[in-house]
Amino acid sequence: MKCARCKTVDCYTIGKDCTDRKDEISGLYKEDPEALAIMGAAAALEAEGYMLLPRVQEVILFGQKMGYRHLGMAFCAGLHREARLLEELLAPHFEITSACCKVCGIAKEDFDLPKLRDNPAEVMCNPLGQADILNRAGAEMNLLVGLCVGHDMIFNKYSKAPVTTVIVKDRVLAHNPAGALYTHYWMRIIKENKLIEKGTLGDDK
């Protein structure tokens, strides 16, 4: 499948099935009650709030539609402020358990991981630990707030509850990864596989 290269998107406009697997895939939904419940809540949310709600508000309403009472939040230490503000918005509606990425304070050297600085006590991120903590707390839905690429994969793998992302980390583009797709400058840099040296802004010509 090369859906990203499609010029007509007939599946969206006229319901065309390019896979010949429509019935098979539909059957997968019918076999999974949780998936059906999530699809129902998501469709209702879309129908009621299309282009009206920011994502944080969608998270609140989705959780309520699913009947969740306990949400988990796995956040990056670099977005501690955002995590605290998000918890303030969620707390009136749900019990919140949150886990910072540096939870447990495990040193990078314990796993021979590369360091940002020459500091033997540099602490590694711990997405598996975050997932375990939220699993043990009984969170019914987990929210990702700025976990690094790769760390988010580990968290998703080990989380027992469904996961949605509230903030995607992008240290350069103010946590807006799509910005690279809208900026000629970054498109050129990425296509040419360039790396901007630390302490410079690169060649912007």
Protein backbone atom coordinates (compact mmCIF):
# COMPACT_ATOMS: atom_id res chain seq x y z
CA MET A 1 0.00 0.00 0.00
CA LYS A 2 1.17 3.52 -0.85
CA CYS A 3 -1.77 5.49 0.54
CA ALA A 4 0.32 8.61 1.16
CA ARG A 5 0.90 8.90 -2.60
CA CYS A 6 -2.76 8.53 -3.55
CA LYS A 7 -4.17 11.49 -5.51
CA THR A 8 -7.88 10.68 -5.25
CA VAL A 9 -8.40 9.27 -1.72
CA ASP A 10 -11.45 7.41 -2.99
CA CYS A 11 -11.71 5.45 0.26
CA TYR A 12 -12.61 8.75 1.94
CA THR A 13 -14.77 10.28 -0.78
CA ILE A 14 -16.73 7.31 -2.12
CA GLY A 15 -15.90 4.44 0.24
CA LYS A 16 -13.77 2.53 -2.24
CA ASP A 17 -11.97 -0.59 -0.93
CA CYS A 18 -8.51 -0.84 -2.51
CA THR A 19 -7.52 -3.80 -0.33
CA ASP A 20 -10.25 -6.38 -1.00
CA ARG A 21 -10.14 -7.00 2.77
CA LYS A 22 -13.04 -4.85 3.96
CA ASP A 23 -15.03 -7.74 5.41
CA GLU A 24 -11.96 -9.26 7.05
CA ILE A 25 -10.95 -5.98 8.70
CA SER A 26 -14.53 -5.26 9.78
CA GLY A 27 -14.53 -8.65 11.46
CA LEU A 28 -11.52 -7.67 13.56
CA TYR A 29 -13.51 -4.80 15.07
CA LYS A 30 -16.45 -7.08 15.78
CA GLU A 31 -14.14 -9.47 17.64
CA ASP A 32 -12.79 -6.73 19.94
CA PRO A 33 -15.40 -5.12 22.23
CA GLU A 34 -12.89 -2.57 23.57
CA ALA A 35 -11.97 -1.44 20.06
CA LEU A 36 -15.67 -1.07 19.21
CA ALA A 37 -16.29 0.97 22.37
CA ILE A 38 -13.33 3.24 21.63
CA MET A 39 -14.48 3.70 18.03
CA GLY A 40 -17.96 4.58 19.23
CA ALA A 41 -16.70 7.18 21.69
CA ALA A 42 -14.28 8.64 19.14
CA ALA A 43 -16.99 8.89 16.46
CA ALA A 44 -19.40 10.57 18.88
CA LEU A 45 -16.72 13.03 19.92
CA GLU A 46 -15.93 13.84 16.29
CA ALA A 47 -19.59 14.32 15.42
CA GLU A 48 -20.24 16.60 18.39
CA GLY A 49 -17.04 18.63 18.48
CA TYR A 50 -15.56 18.63 14.98
CA MET A 51 -13.28 21.69 14.61
CA LEU A 52 -14.60 23.05 17.92
CA LEU A 53 -12.43 21.40 20.58
CA PRO A 54 -8.70 21.51 21.35
CA ARG A 55 -7.09 18.13 21.93
CA VAL A 56 -6.97 18.51 25.72
CA GLN A 57 -10.72 19.03 25.82
CA GLU A 58 -11.20 16.06 23.49
CA VAL A 59 -9.23 13.91 25.92
CA ILE A 60 -11.51 14.93 28.79
CA LEU A 61 -14.72 14.29 26.86
CA PHE A 62 -13.43 11.02 25.41
CA GLY A 63 -12.54 9.74 28.87
CA GLN A 64 -15.98 10.66 30.13
CA LYS A 65 -17.71 8.94 27.20
CA MET A 66 -15.69 5.78 27.91
CA GLY A 67 -16.64 5.94 31.58
CA TYR A 68 -13.02 6.13 32.71
CA ARG A 69 -12.38 7.34 36.23
CA HIS A 70 -8.60 6.97 36.48
CA LEU A 71 -6.13 8.38 33.94
CA GLY A 72 -2.38 7.93 33.86
CA MET A 73 0.09 10.50 32.58
CA ALA A 74 3.62 9.65 31.43
CA PHE A 75 5.53 12.88 30.94
CA CYS A 76 8.98 14.13 30.05
CA ALA A 77 10.83 16.00 32.79
CA GLY A 78 11.40 18.79 30.24
CA LEU A 79 7.62 19.29 30.08
CA HIS A 80 7.02 19.26 33.82
CA ARG A 81 5.21 22.60 33.67
CA GLU A 82 2.91 21.40 30.88
CA ALA A 83 2.21 18.18 32.77
CA ARG A 84 1.26 20.12 35.88
CA LEU A 85 -1.09 22.41 33.92
CA LEU A 86 -2.65 19.42 32.17
CA GLU A 87 -3.21 17.68 35.49
CA GLU A 88 -4.98 20.80 36.80
CA LEU A 89 -7.43 20.56 33.89
CA LEU A 90 -7.95 16.81 34.25
CA ALA A 91 -8.16 16.54 38.05
CA PRO A 92 -11.76 17.82 38.40
CA HIS A 93 -12.92 14.97 36.18
CA PHE A 94 -10.61 12.01 36.90
CA GLU A 95 -8.22 10.52 39.38
CA ILE A 96 -4.74 11.17 37.96
CA THR A 97 -1.57 9.17 38.44
CA SER A 98 1.51 10.71 36.83
CA ALA A 99 5.00 9.33 36.25
CA CYS A 100 8.02 11.43 35.25
CA CYS A 101 10.43 10.03 32.67
CA LYS A 102 13.28 10.03 35.21
CA VAL A 103 11.32 7.98 37.76
CA CYS A 104 13.51 5.54 39.76
CA GLY A 105 16.62 7.65 39.09
CA ILE A 106 18.47 4.94 37.13
CA ALA A 107 21.93 6.08 35.93
CA LYS A 108 22.68 5.87 32.22
CA GLU A 109 25.97 4.19 33.00
CA ASP A 110 24.05 1.23 34.45
CA PHE A 111 23.09 0.33 30.86
CA ASP A 112 26.12 1.89 29.13
CA LEU A 113 23.92 4.53 27.44
CA PRO A 114 25.41 7.62 25.72
CA LYS A 115 25.32 10.77 27.84
CA LEU A 116 24.60 14.39 27.06
CA ARG A 117 27.22 15.56 29.52
CA ASP A 118 30.32 14.20 31.20
CA ASN A 119 28.41 13.37 34.34
CA PRO A 120 28.55 9.87 35.86
CA ALA A 121 25.21 10.49 37.63
CA GLU A 122 23.23 11.38 34.49
CA VAL A 123 19.84 9.72 34.81
CA MET A 124 18.26 7.79 31.96
CA CYS A 125 14.66 8.05 30.84
CA ASN A 126 12.57 5.13 32.07
CA PRO A 127 9.49 4.51 29.88
CA LEU A 128 9.18 0.89 30.94
CA GLY A 129 9.11 2.02 34.56
CA GLN A 130 6.52 4.69 33.76
CA ALA A 131 4.29 2.07 32.15
CA ASP A 132 4.73 -0.31 35.08
CA ILE A 133 3.84 2.37 37.62
CA LEU A 134 0.69 3.39 35.73
CA ASN A 135 -0.25 -0.28 35.21
CA ARG A 136 0.07 -0.97 38.93
CA ALA A 137 -1.98 2.13 39.73
CA GLY A 138 -4.83 0.81 37.61
CA ALA A 139 -4.99 3.65 35.08
CA GLU A 140 -7.72 3.03 32.52
CA MET A 141 -6.26 5.34 29.86
CA ASN A 142 -2.72 6.67 29.61
CA LEU A 143 -1.64 10.04 28.24
CA LEU A 144 1.77 10.70 26.72
CA VAL A 145 3.24 14.13 27.31
CA GLY A 146 6.45 14.69 25.39
CA LEU A 147 8.19 11.32 25.59
CA CYS A 148 11.23 11.00 23.30
CA VAL A 149 11.17 9.06 20.04
CA GLY A 150 11.80 5.46 21.02
CA HIS A 151 10.83 5.95 24.64
CA ASP A 152 7.23 6.38 23.52
CA MET A 153 7.46 3.05 21.71
CA ILE A 154 8.59 1.24 24.84
CA PHE A 155 5.83 2.88 26.88
CA ASN A 156 3.18 1.90 24.33
CA LYS A 157 4.50 -1.67 24.26
CA TYR A 158 4.26 -2.14 28.02
CA SER A 159 1.16 -0.07 28.84
CA LYS A 160 -1.81 -2.27 29.66
CA ALA A 161 -4.26 0.61 29.17
CA PRO A 162 -5.04 2.33 25.86
CA VAL A 163 -2.63 5.20 25.12
CA THR A 164 -3.15 8.57 23.46
CA THR A 165 -0.63 11.34 22.90
CA VAL A 166 -1.38 14.83 24.17
CA ILE A 167 1.98 16.47 23.36
CA VAL A 168 4.59 15.21 20.90
CA LYS A 169 8.11 16.32 21.76
CA ASP A 170 10.02 18.46 19.28
CA ARG A 171 12.82 20.31 21.03
CA VAL A 172 13.46 22.56 18.01
CA LEU A 173 9.95 23.39 16.77
CA ALA A 174 8.14 24.17 20.03
CA HIS A 175 6.72 20.61 20.22
CA ASN A 176 5.13 20.93 16.78
CA PRO A 177 6.74 18.24 14.57
CA ALA A 178 4.47 19.14 11.65
CA GLY A 179 6.26 22.50 11.50
CA ALA A 180 9.10 20.78 9.62
CA LEU A 181 6.63 19.90 6.86
CA TYR A 182 5.46 23.50 6.50
CA THR A 183 8.91 25.11 6.43
CA HIS A 184 11.00 25.14 3.24
CA TYR A 185 14.16 25.62 5.31
CA TRP A 186 13.65 22.45 7.37
CA MET A 187 12.41 20.44 4.41
CA ARG A 188 15.66 21.20 2.60
CA ILE A 189 17.82 20.38 5.61
CA ILE A 190 16.05 17.06 6.19
CA LYS A 191 16.10 16.06 2.50
CA GLU A 192 19.83 16.80 2.35
CA ASN A 193 20.29 14.86 5.60
CA LYS A 194 22.11 17.77 7.20
CA LEU A 195 22.78 18.18 10.90
CA ILE A 196 22.99 21.68 12.33
CA GLU A 197 26.04 21.99 14.55
CA LYS A 198 25.48 22.77 18.18
CA GLY A 199 25.63 26.47 18.92
CA THR A 200 24.83 27.56 15.37
CA LEU A 201 21.72 28.17 13.31
CA GLY A 202 23.26 26.67 10.21
CA ASP A 203 23.26 28.12 6.70
CA ASP A 204 19.87 29.73 6.20
CA LYS A 205 20.47 30.90 2.65
